[in-house]
N, C-alpha and C. Protein backbone atom coordinates (compact mmCIF):
# COMPACT_ATOMS: atom_id res chain seq x y z
N UNK A 1 86.48 108.99 89.20
CA UNK A 1 87.38 108.72 90.30
C UNK A 1 86.78 109.24 91.59
N UNK A 2 87.12 108.61 92.67
CA UNK A 2 86.52 108.97 93.95
C UNK A 2 86.98 110.32 94.46
N UNK A 3 88.17 110.77 94.07
CA UNK A 3 88.66 112.09 94.45
C UNK A 3 88.88 112.93 93.20
N UNK A 4 87.87 113.65 92.79
CA UNK A 4 88.04 114.52 91.63
C UNK A 4 88.67 115.84 92.07
N UNK A 5 88.89 116.73 91.14
CA UNK A 5 89.58 117.98 91.41
C UNK A 5 88.84 118.83 92.45
N UNK A 6 87.51 118.84 92.38
CA UNK A 6 86.71 119.62 93.33
C UNK A 6 86.89 119.09 94.75
N UNK A 7 86.89 117.77 94.90
CA UNK A 7 87.04 117.17 96.22
C UNK A 7 88.41 117.48 96.81
N UNK A 8 89.44 117.41 95.97
CA UNK A 8 90.79 117.71 96.45
C UNK A 8 90.91 119.17 96.85
N UNK A 9 90.34 120.07 96.04
CA UNK A 9 90.38 121.49 96.38
C UNK A 9 89.68 121.74 97.71
N UNK A 10 88.57 121.06 97.94
CA UNK A 10 87.83 121.21 99.19
C UNK A 10 88.67 120.73 100.38
N UNK A 11 89.36 119.60 100.21
CA UNK A 11 90.22 119.08 101.28
C UNK A 11 91.33 120.07 101.59
N UNK A 12 91.99 120.58 100.55
CA UNK A 12 93.09 121.51 100.78
C UNK A 12 92.61 122.84 101.33
N UNK A 13 91.41 123.27 100.94
CA UNK A 13 90.87 124.51 101.46
C UNK A 13 90.56 124.37 102.94
N UNK A 14 90.03 123.23 103.32
CA UNK A 14 89.64 123.01 104.71
C UNK A 14 90.86 122.81 105.62
N UNK A 15 91.83 122.04 105.16
CA UNK A 15 92.95 121.67 106.02
C UNK A 15 94.25 122.40 105.70
N UNK A 16 94.44 122.82 104.47
CA UNK A 16 95.69 123.46 104.10
C UNK A 16 95.64 124.97 104.15
N UNK A 17 94.47 125.53 104.36
CA UNK A 17 94.34 126.97 104.44
C UNK A 17 93.88 127.60 103.14
N UNK A 18 94.28 127.03 102.00
CA UNK A 18 93.93 127.58 100.69
C UNK A 18 93.86 126.42 99.71
N UNK A 19 93.01 126.55 98.70
CA UNK A 19 92.87 125.47 97.71
C UNK A 19 94.14 125.30 96.90
N UNK A 20 94.94 126.36 96.78
CA UNK A 20 96.19 126.29 96.01
C UNK A 20 97.37 125.80 96.84
N UNK A 21 97.21 125.74 98.15
CA UNK A 21 98.30 125.33 99.03
C UNK A 21 98.31 123.81 99.16
N UNK A 22 98.75 123.14 98.11
CA UNK A 22 98.71 121.68 98.08
C UNK A 22 99.93 121.04 98.75
N UNK A 23 100.90 121.84 99.14
CA UNK A 23 102.12 121.29 99.71
C UNK A 23 102.15 121.29 101.22
N UNK A 24 101.15 121.85 101.86
CA UNK A 24 101.16 121.91 103.32
C UNK A 24 101.04 120.50 103.90
N UNK A 25 101.68 120.30 105.02
CA UNK A 25 101.66 118.98 105.64
C UNK A 25 100.24 118.60 106.05
N UNK A 26 99.48 119.55 106.57
CA UNK A 26 98.12 119.25 107.00
C UNK A 26 97.25 118.85 105.82
N UNK A 27 97.39 119.54 104.71
CA UNK A 27 96.62 119.20 103.51
C UNK A 27 96.97 117.83 102.97
N UNK A 28 98.25 117.51 102.95
CA UNK A 28 98.69 116.20 102.47
C UNK A 28 98.18 115.09 103.39
N UNK A 29 98.25 115.32 104.69
CA UNK A 29 97.78 114.32 105.65
C UNK A 29 96.28 114.09 105.47
N UNK A 30 95.54 115.17 105.27
CA UNK A 30 94.09 115.04 105.08
C UNK A 30 93.77 114.30 103.78
N UNK A 31 94.54 114.58 102.72
CA UNK A 31 94.33 113.88 101.45
C UNK A 31 94.65 112.40 101.59
N UNK A 32 95.76 112.08 102.24
CA UNK A 32 96.11 110.68 102.46
C UNK A 32 95.05 109.98 103.30
N UNK A 33 94.50 110.67 104.28
CA UNK A 33 93.48 110.08 105.13
C UNK A 33 92.23 109.75 104.32
N UNK A 34 91.83 110.65 103.43
CA UNK A 34 90.67 110.39 102.58
C UNK A 34 90.92 109.18 101.69
N UNK A 35 92.13 109.10 101.11
CA UNK A 35 92.45 107.96 100.26
C UNK A 35 92.51 106.66 101.07
N UNK A 36 93.06 106.72 102.28
CA UNK A 36 93.14 105.54 103.14
C UNK A 36 91.75 105.04 103.49
N UNK A 37 90.85 105.96 103.82
CA UNK A 37 89.49 105.57 104.16
C UNK A 37 88.80 104.91 102.97
N UNK A 38 89.03 105.45 101.77
CA UNK A 38 88.43 104.86 100.57
C UNK A 38 88.97 103.45 100.32
N UNK A 39 90.28 103.28 100.42
CA UNK A 39 90.88 101.97 100.18
C UNK A 39 90.45 100.96 101.25
N UNK A 40 90.27 101.42 102.47
CA UNK A 40 89.82 100.53 103.55
C UNK A 40 88.43 100.00 103.25
N UNK A 41 87.55 100.87 102.78
CA UNK A 41 86.20 100.43 102.42
C UNK A 41 86.25 99.44 101.24
N UNK A 42 87.13 99.70 100.29
CA UNK A 42 87.28 98.81 99.15
C UNK A 42 87.75 97.42 99.61
N UNK A 43 88.70 97.40 100.54
CA UNK A 43 89.23 96.12 101.00
C UNK A 43 88.24 95.34 101.86
N UNK A 44 87.28 96.03 102.46
CA UNK A 44 86.25 95.30 103.20
C UNK A 44 85.40 94.47 102.25
N UNK A 45 85.22 94.95 101.04
CA UNK A 45 84.43 94.23 100.04
C UNK A 45 85.28 93.22 99.26
N UNK A 46 86.55 93.54 99.05
CA UNK A 46 87.44 92.72 98.21
C UNK A 46 88.66 92.30 99.04
N UNK A 47 88.49 91.26 99.83
CA UNK A 47 89.53 90.86 100.77
C UNK A 47 90.79 90.37 100.09
N UNK A 48 90.69 89.84 98.90
CA UNK A 48 91.85 89.23 98.25
C UNK A 48 92.56 90.17 97.27
N UNK A 49 92.24 91.45 97.32
CA UNK A 49 92.87 92.42 96.44
C UNK A 49 94.19 92.87 97.07
N UNK A 50 95.24 92.11 96.80
CA UNK A 50 96.51 92.32 97.48
C UNK A 50 97.24 93.56 96.96
N UNK A 51 97.02 93.95 95.71
CA UNK A 51 97.65 95.16 95.20
C UNK A 51 97.11 96.39 95.92
N UNK A 52 95.83 96.42 96.16
CA UNK A 52 95.24 97.53 96.91
C UNK A 52 95.71 97.52 98.35
N UNK A 53 95.86 96.34 98.90
CA UNK A 53 96.36 96.22 100.28
C UNK A 53 97.77 96.79 100.39
N UNK A 54 98.59 96.50 99.41
CA UNK A 54 99.96 97.03 99.40
C UNK A 54 99.94 98.55 99.27
N UNK A 55 99.08 99.07 98.41
CA UNK A 55 98.96 100.52 98.25
C UNK A 55 98.50 101.17 99.55
N UNK A 56 97.60 100.51 100.24
CA UNK A 56 97.11 101.04 101.51
C UNK A 56 98.24 101.11 102.54
N UNK A 57 99.04 100.07 102.62
CA UNK A 57 100.15 100.05 103.57
C UNK A 57 101.15 101.16 103.24
N UNK A 58 101.42 101.38 101.95
CA UNK A 58 102.34 102.43 101.56
C UNK A 58 101.79 103.82 101.92
N UNK A 59 100.49 104.01 101.71
CA UNK A 59 99.88 105.29 102.05
C UNK A 59 99.92 105.55 103.55
N UNK A 60 99.67 104.52 104.34
CA UNK A 60 99.73 104.67 105.79
C UNK A 60 101.15 105.05 106.20
N UNK A 61 102.15 104.47 105.57
CA UNK A 61 103.53 104.81 105.87
C UNK A 61 103.86 106.24 105.50
N UNK A 62 103.36 106.71 104.37
CA UNK A 62 103.58 108.10 103.97
C UNK A 62 102.92 109.06 104.95
N UNK A 63 101.69 108.72 105.35
CA UNK A 63 101.00 109.59 106.30
C UNK A 63 101.74 109.60 107.63
N UNK A 64 102.23 108.43 108.06
CA UNK A 64 102.98 108.35 109.31
C UNK A 64 104.23 109.22 109.26
N UNK A 65 104.93 109.21 108.11
CA UNK A 65 106.14 110.02 107.96
C UNK A 65 105.80 111.51 108.04
N UNK A 66 104.71 111.91 107.41
CA UNK A 66 104.30 113.32 107.48
C UNK A 66 103.89 113.71 108.90
N UNK A 67 103.22 112.80 109.60
CA UNK A 67 102.85 113.09 110.98
C UNK A 67 104.08 113.20 111.87
N UNK A 68 105.08 112.35 111.64
CA UNK A 68 106.33 112.45 112.40
C UNK A 68 107.03 113.77 112.12
N UNK A 69 107.05 114.18 110.86
CA UNK A 69 107.65 115.45 110.49
C UNK A 69 106.95 116.60 111.19
N UNK A 70 105.63 116.56 111.19
CA UNK A 70 104.85 117.62 111.81
C UNK A 70 105.06 117.65 113.33
N UNK A 71 105.25 116.48 113.92
CA UNK A 71 105.53 116.42 115.36
C UNK A 71 106.83 117.13 115.67
N UNK A 72 107.86 116.93 114.86
CA UNK A 72 109.15 117.55 115.10
C UNK A 72 109.11 119.06 114.85
N UNK A 73 108.34 119.49 113.83
CA UNK A 73 108.30 120.90 113.47
C UNK A 73 107.42 121.72 114.41
N UNK A 74 106.21 121.24 114.65
CA UNK A 74 105.26 122.02 115.44
C UNK A 74 104.23 121.07 116.06
N UNK A 75 104.36 120.85 117.35
CA UNK A 75 103.50 119.89 118.05
C UNK A 75 102.05 120.36 118.06
N UNK A 76 101.84 121.65 118.15
CA UNK A 76 100.46 122.16 118.19
C UNK A 76 99.73 121.91 116.88
N UNK A 77 100.41 122.09 115.75
CA UNK A 77 99.81 121.78 114.44
C UNK A 77 99.51 120.29 114.34
N UNK A 78 100.42 119.46 114.85
CA UNK A 78 100.22 118.01 114.85
C UNK A 78 98.97 117.64 115.65
N UNK A 79 98.87 118.17 116.85
CA UNK A 79 97.71 117.86 117.70
C UNK A 79 96.41 118.34 117.07
N UNK A 80 96.46 119.50 116.40
CA UNK A 80 95.25 120.04 115.78
C UNK A 80 94.78 119.14 114.63
N UNK A 81 95.70 118.70 113.77
CA UNK A 81 95.29 117.88 112.61
C UNK A 81 94.84 116.49 113.07
N UNK A 82 95.48 115.94 114.10
CA UNK A 82 95.07 114.63 114.60
C UNK A 82 93.67 114.71 115.20
N UNK A 83 93.41 115.78 115.93
CA UNK A 83 92.08 115.95 116.53
C UNK A 83 91.03 116.20 115.46
N UNK A 84 91.37 116.99 114.46
CA UNK A 84 90.43 117.34 113.40
C UNK A 84 90.05 116.13 112.55
N UNK A 85 91.03 115.28 112.25
CA UNK A 85 90.77 114.10 111.42
C UNK A 85 90.36 112.88 112.24
N UNK A 86 90.53 112.95 113.56
CA UNK A 86 90.15 111.82 114.41
C UNK A 86 91.03 110.62 114.20
N UNK A 87 92.34 110.83 114.14
CA UNK A 87 93.26 109.72 113.86
C UNK A 87 93.59 108.87 115.07
N UNK A 88 93.59 109.46 116.25
CA UNK A 88 93.91 108.71 117.46
C UNK A 88 92.64 108.43 118.24
N UNK A 89 92.66 107.31 118.93
CA UNK A 89 91.49 106.94 119.73
C UNK A 89 91.73 107.17 121.19
């Protein structure tokens, strides 16, 4: 699988503060971003894979909801994670 346990731990360690802190909003957003990037690359090769396209849209919606939550809770954390992941242009 493209995201094995080591890769997930690395993502959570970098963005969530600790490898065990899997519930932090920043860690979840970073994990969703990695999955979204992987699915986007897959869809560039397989344009007619509509199940993957649907999964991608759902993941983007989940990430958007977490970003909205983070905006309401702490704008500085939101700005930091957006800048770190390069989500806005």
